[in-house]
């Protein structure tokens, strides 16, 4: 499955037009303008499928099997599946990434 097909499979996705790139230290009470400087999730995406699905049970196999997945894609999925806002989704992704 190609990345474009993955995005098409996810209805009502809210993904940024381009991938953000700011240090995680920009998290603050005013909200993160999150730019993930080093996207370890992207680097290890192909090996993270089972781990992602154990952590977030609402993610489907198709969600995690999409090639080229990254932190921004995962945050968008969390927003859609769990109804959290962008900040909460990015915080969860950052926490997960720090455990890798």
N, C-alpha and C. Protein backbone atom coordinates (compact mmCIF):
# COMPACT_ATOMS: atom_id res chain seq x y z
N UNK A 1 0.85 -1.17 0.00
CA UNK A 1 0.00 0.00 0.00
C UNK A 1 0.89 1.24 0.00
N UNK A 2 0.62 2.17 -0.88
CA UNK A 2 1.39 3.40 -0.97
C UNK A 2 0.89 4.40 0.06
N UNK A 3 1.73 5.38 0.39
CA UNK A 3 1.39 6.37 1.39
C UNK A 3 0.14 7.14 0.99
N UNK A 4 -0.01 7.47 -0.31
CA UNK A 4 -1.22 8.18 -0.77
C UNK A 4 -2.46 7.35 -0.51
N UNK A 5 -2.36 6.04 -0.69
CA UNK A 5 -3.50 5.16 -0.43
C UNK A 5 -3.83 5.14 1.05
N UNK A 6 -2.81 5.22 1.89
CA UNK A 6 -3.04 5.24 3.33
C UNK A 6 -3.82 6.48 3.73
N UNK A 7 -3.41 7.63 3.17
CA UNK A 7 -4.11 8.87 3.50
C UNK A 7 -5.55 8.80 3.00
N UNK A 8 -5.77 8.20 1.84
CA UNK A 8 -7.12 8.09 1.31
C UNK A 8 -7.97 7.18 2.19
N UNK A 9 -7.33 6.17 2.80
CA UNK A 9 -8.04 5.23 3.65
C UNK A 9 -8.48 5.87 4.97
N UNK A 10 -7.81 6.92 5.36
CA UNK A 10 -8.13 7.61 6.61
C UNK A 10 -9.05 8.78 6.27
N UNK A 11 -10.33 8.62 6.56
CA UNK A 11 -11.27 9.69 6.24
C UNK A 11 -11.10 10.84 7.21
N UNK A 12 -11.36 12.01 6.73
CA UNK A 12 -11.32 13.23 7.54
C UNK A 12 -9.98 13.44 8.23
N UNK A 13 -8.88 13.13 7.57
CA UNK A 13 -7.59 13.34 8.22
C UNK A 13 -7.28 14.82 8.30
N UNK A 14 -6.51 15.17 9.31
CA UNK A 14 -6.10 16.56 9.51
C UNK A 14 -4.58 16.60 9.62
N UNK A 15 -3.95 16.47 8.50
CA UNK A 15 -2.50 16.44 8.48
C UNK A 15 -1.97 17.76 7.96
N UNK A 16 -0.82 18.19 8.46
CA UNK A 16 -0.24 19.43 7.96
C UNK A 16 0.22 19.25 6.51
N UNK A 17 0.23 20.34 5.78
CA UNK A 17 0.63 20.29 4.37
C UNK A 17 2.07 19.85 4.24
N UNK A 18 2.91 20.24 5.17
CA UNK A 18 4.29 19.79 5.16
C UNK A 18 4.68 19.36 6.57
N UNK A 19 5.70 18.55 6.65
CA UNK A 19 6.11 18.02 7.95
C UNK A 19 6.78 19.11 8.77
N UNK A 20 6.38 19.21 10.02
CA UNK A 20 6.93 20.21 10.91
C UNK A 20 8.33 19.84 11.38
N UNK A 21 9.13 20.85 11.75
CA UNK A 21 10.48 20.57 12.22
C UNK A 21 10.95 21.53 13.31
N UNK A 22 10.44 21.41 14.56
CA UNK A 22 10.88 22.23 15.70
C UNK A 22 11.30 21.32 16.83
N UNK A 23 12.19 21.77 17.64
CA UNK A 23 12.67 20.96 18.76
C UNK A 23 11.55 20.71 19.76
N UNK A 24 11.52 19.51 20.37
CA UNK A 24 10.50 19.19 21.36
C UNK A 24 10.51 20.14 22.56
N UNK A 25 11.58 20.90 22.75
CA UNK A 25 11.63 21.83 23.87
C UNK A 25 10.64 22.98 23.70
N UNK A 26 10.00 23.09 22.54
CA UNK A 26 9.05 24.17 22.32
C UNK A 26 7.69 23.88 22.97
N UNK A 27 7.55 22.73 23.63
CA UNK A 27 6.31 22.45 24.34
C UNK A 27 6.17 23.46 25.46
N UNK A 28 5.01 24.01 25.58
CA UNK A 28 4.80 24.96 26.65
C UNK A 28 3.33 25.14 26.91
N UNK A 29 2.99 25.92 27.93
CA UNK A 29 1.60 26.11 28.28
C UNK A 29 0.79 26.77 27.17
N UNK A 30 1.45 27.51 26.29
CA UNK A 30 0.73 28.17 25.22
C UNK A 30 0.43 27.22 24.07
N UNK A 31 0.94 26.00 24.15
CA UNK A 31 0.69 25.01 23.10
C UNK A 31 1.92 24.80 22.26
N UNK A 32 2.10 23.59 21.81
CA UNK A 32 3.31 23.31 21.05
C UNK A 32 3.16 23.69 19.60
N UNK A 33 4.17 24.33 19.10
CA UNK A 33 4.26 24.50 17.65
C UNK A 33 5.26 23.42 17.28
N UNK A 34 4.80 22.18 17.36
CA UNK A 34 5.70 21.04 17.33
C UNK A 34 6.32 20.81 15.98
N UNK A 35 7.61 20.80 15.98
CA UNK A 35 8.37 20.44 14.79
C UNK A 35 9.33 19.38 15.28
N UNK A 36 9.18 18.19 14.82
CA UNK A 36 10.00 17.10 15.30
C UNK A 36 11.32 17.10 14.55
N UNK A 37 12.38 17.53 15.24
CA UNK A 37 13.66 17.67 14.58
C UNK A 37 14.22 16.34 14.12
N UNK A 38 14.15 15.34 14.95
CA UNK A 38 14.60 14.01 14.57
C UNK A 38 13.41 13.08 14.71
N UNK A 39 12.90 12.61 13.60
CA UNK A 39 11.70 11.79 13.62
C UNK A 39 12.10 10.31 13.71
N UNK A 40 12.30 9.84 14.93
CA UNK A 40 12.69 8.44 15.13
C UNK A 40 11.56 7.51 14.73
N UNK A 41 10.33 7.98 14.84
CA UNK A 41 9.20 7.15 14.44
C UNK A 41 9.27 6.87 12.95
N UNK A 42 9.59 7.88 12.15
CA UNK A 42 9.74 7.67 10.71
C UNK A 42 10.86 6.67 10.43
N UNK A 43 11.97 6.82 11.14
CA UNK A 43 13.12 5.96 10.92
C UNK A 43 12.82 4.50 11.26
N UNK A 44 11.97 4.26 12.23
CA UNK A 44 11.69 2.90 12.70
C UNK A 44 10.27 2.44 12.38
N UNK A 45 9.55 3.18 11.55
CA UNK A 45 8.13 2.92 11.29
C UNK A 45 7.83 1.46 10.94
N UNK A 46 8.63 0.88 10.06
CA UNK A 46 8.34 -0.48 9.60
C UNK A 46 8.42 -1.51 10.72
N UNK A 47 9.12 -1.20 11.80
CA UNK A 47 9.26 -2.14 12.92
C UNK A 47 8.33 -1.82 14.10
N UNK A 48 7.58 -0.74 14.01
CA UNK A 48 6.78 -0.29 15.15
C UNK A 48 5.32 -0.70 15.13
N UNK A 49 4.85 -1.33 14.08
CA UNK A 49 3.43 -1.63 13.92
C UNK A 49 2.77 -2.25 15.14
N UNK A 50 3.31 -3.36 15.62
CA UNK A 50 2.70 -4.05 16.76
C UNK A 50 2.75 -3.20 18.01
N UNK A 51 3.86 -2.53 18.20
CA UNK A 51 4.02 -1.68 19.39
C UNK A 51 3.02 -0.52 19.37
N UNK A 52 2.82 0.07 18.20
CA UNK A 52 1.84 1.16 18.07
C UNK A 52 0.43 0.67 18.37
N UNK A 53 0.10 -0.50 17.85
CA UNK A 53 -1.26 -1.04 18.05
C UNK A 53 -1.48 -1.48 19.50
N UNK A 54 -0.44 -1.90 20.19
CA UNK A 54 -0.59 -2.23 21.62
C UNK A 54 -0.82 -0.96 22.44
N UNK A 55 -0.14 0.10 22.07
CA UNK A 55 -0.25 1.36 22.81
C UNK A 55 -1.59 2.06 22.53
N UNK A 56 -1.97 2.10 21.26
CA UNK A 56 -3.21 2.76 20.85
C UNK A 56 -4.08 1.74 20.14
N UNK A 57 -4.99 1.13 20.88
CA UNK A 57 -5.81 0.01 20.40
C UNK A 57 -6.74 0.37 19.24
N UNK A 58 -7.06 1.64 19.08
CA UNK A 58 -7.97 2.04 18.01
C UNK A 58 -7.28 2.15 16.65
N UNK A 59 -5.97 2.05 16.62
CA UNK A 59 -5.27 2.09 15.34
C UNK A 59 -5.48 0.76 14.63
N UNK A 60 -5.70 0.81 13.34
CA UNK A 60 -5.92 -0.40 12.56
C UNK A 60 -4.60 -0.90 11.97
N UNK A 61 -4.64 -2.13 11.51
CA UNK A 61 -3.47 -2.71 10.86
C UNK A 61 -3.08 -1.87 9.63
N UNK A 62 -4.09 -1.40 8.89
CA UNK A 62 -3.82 -0.57 7.71
C UNK A 62 -3.14 0.73 8.10
N UNK A 63 -3.52 1.30 9.25
CA UNK A 63 -2.90 2.54 9.71
C UNK A 63 -1.40 2.37 9.91
N UNK A 64 -1.02 1.26 10.53
CA UNK A 64 0.39 1.09 10.88
C UNK A 64 1.22 0.40 9.81
N UNK A 65 0.56 -0.15 8.77
CA UNK A 65 1.30 -0.80 7.69
C UNK A 65 1.62 0.16 6.55
N UNK A 66 1.14 1.37 6.61
CA UNK A 66 1.42 2.34 5.55
C UNK A 66 2.92 2.64 5.51
N UNK A 67 3.53 2.52 4.35
CA UNK A 67 4.96 2.83 4.25
C UNK A 67 5.17 4.33 4.39
N UNK A 68 6.27 4.70 4.95
CA UNK A 68 6.60 6.12 5.06
C UNK A 68 5.87 6.84 6.17
N UNK A 69 5.32 6.11 7.13
CA UNK A 69 4.66 6.77 8.25
C UNK A 69 5.65 7.56 9.08
N UNK A 70 5.17 8.57 9.77
CA UNK A 70 6.06 9.40 10.60
C UNK A 70 5.28 9.95 11.78
N UNK A 71 5.92 10.78 12.57
CA UNK A 71 5.29 11.31 13.78
C UNK A 71 4.07 12.17 13.46
N UNK A 72 4.15 12.98 12.41
CA UNK A 72 3.02 13.83 12.04
C UNK A 72 1.82 12.98 11.60
N UNK A 73 2.08 11.94 10.84
CA UNK A 73 1.02 11.02 10.40
C UNK A 73 0.38 10.35 11.62
N UNK A 74 1.21 9.87 12.55
CA UNK A 74 0.70 9.23 13.76
C UNK A 74 -0.13 10.20 14.58
N UNK A 75 0.32 11.43 14.73
CA UNK A 75 -0.45 12.42 15.49
C UNK A 75 -1.80 12.67 14.84
N UNK A 76 -1.84 12.72 13.52
CA UNK A 76 -3.11 12.89 12.82
C UNK A 76 -4.05 11.72 13.05
N UNK A 77 -3.50 10.52 13.05
CA UNK A 77 -4.32 9.34 13.34
C UNK A 77 -4.89 9.39 14.75
N UNK A 78 -4.07 9.80 15.71
CA UNK A 78 -4.53 9.88 17.10
C UNK A 78 -5.64 10.92 17.24
N UNK A 79 -5.50 12.03 16.53
CA UNK A 79 -6.55 13.04 16.57
C UNK A 79 -7.86 12.46 16.06
N UNK A 80 -7.78 11.75 14.97
CA UNK A 80 -9.01 11.20 14.38
C UNK A 80 -9.60 10.08 15.22
N UNK A 81 -8.78 9.11 15.60
CA UNK A 81 -9.30 7.93 16.28
C UNK A 81 -9.75 8.22 17.71
N UNK A 82 -9.05 9.12 18.41
CA UNK A 82 -9.34 9.35 19.82
C UNK A 82 -10.01 10.69 20.10
N UNK A 83 -10.14 11.54 19.08
CA UNK A 83 -10.81 12.81 19.26
C UNK A 83 -10.06 13.79 20.14
N UNK A 84 -8.74 13.67 20.19
CA UNK A 84 -7.93 14.61 20.97
C UNK A 84 -7.50 15.77 20.08
N UNK A 85 -7.13 16.88 20.70
CA UNK A 85 -6.67 18.01 19.90
C UNK A 85 -5.23 17.78 19.46
N UNK A 86 -4.77 18.64 18.59
CA UNK A 86 -3.43 18.49 18.00
C UNK A 86 -2.34 18.45 19.07
N UNK A 87 -2.46 19.33 20.06
CA UNK A 87 -1.44 19.39 21.10
C UNK A 87 -1.34 18.08 21.87
N UNK A 88 -2.48 17.54 22.28
CA UNK A 88 -2.49 16.27 23.03
C UNK A 88 -1.93 15.14 22.18
N UNK A 89 -2.30 15.09 20.91
CA UNK A 89 -1.79 14.05 20.02
C UNK A 89 -0.28 14.14 19.90
N UNK A 90 0.23 15.34 19.72
CA UNK A 90 1.68 15.52 19.58
C UNK A 90 2.41 15.18 20.88
N UNK A 91 1.82 15.51 22.01
CA UNK A 91 2.43 15.16 23.30
C UNK A 91 2.52 13.64 23.47
N UNK A 92 1.45 12.93 23.08
CA UNK A 92 1.47 11.47 23.17
C UNK A 92 2.52 10.88 22.24
N UNK A 93 2.63 11.43 21.04
CA UNK A 93 3.63 10.95 20.08
C UNK A 93 5.03 11.22 20.61
N UNK A 94 5.26 12.41 21.16
CA UNK A 94 6.57 12.74 21.72
C UNK A 94 6.93 11.80 22.87
N UNK A 95 5.97 11.51 23.73
CA UNK A 95 6.21 10.59 24.85
C UNK A 95 6.57 9.19 24.32
N UNK A 96 5.82 8.72 23.34
CA UNK A 96 6.09 7.42 22.74
C UNK A 96 7.49 7.41 22.11
N UNK A 97 7.81 8.47 21.40
CA UNK A 97 9.11 8.56 20.72
C UNK A 97 10.26 8.55 21.73
N UNK A 98 10.05 9.16 22.88
CA UNK A 98 11.11 9.21 23.89
C UNK A 98 11.36 7.85 24.52
N UNK A 99 10.38 6.93 24.39
CA UNK A 99 10.54 5.58 24.93
C UNK A 99 11.24 4.63 23.96
N UNK A 100 11.47 5.08 22.72
CA UNK A 100 12.11 4.22 21.72
C UNK A 100 13.59 4.07 22.01
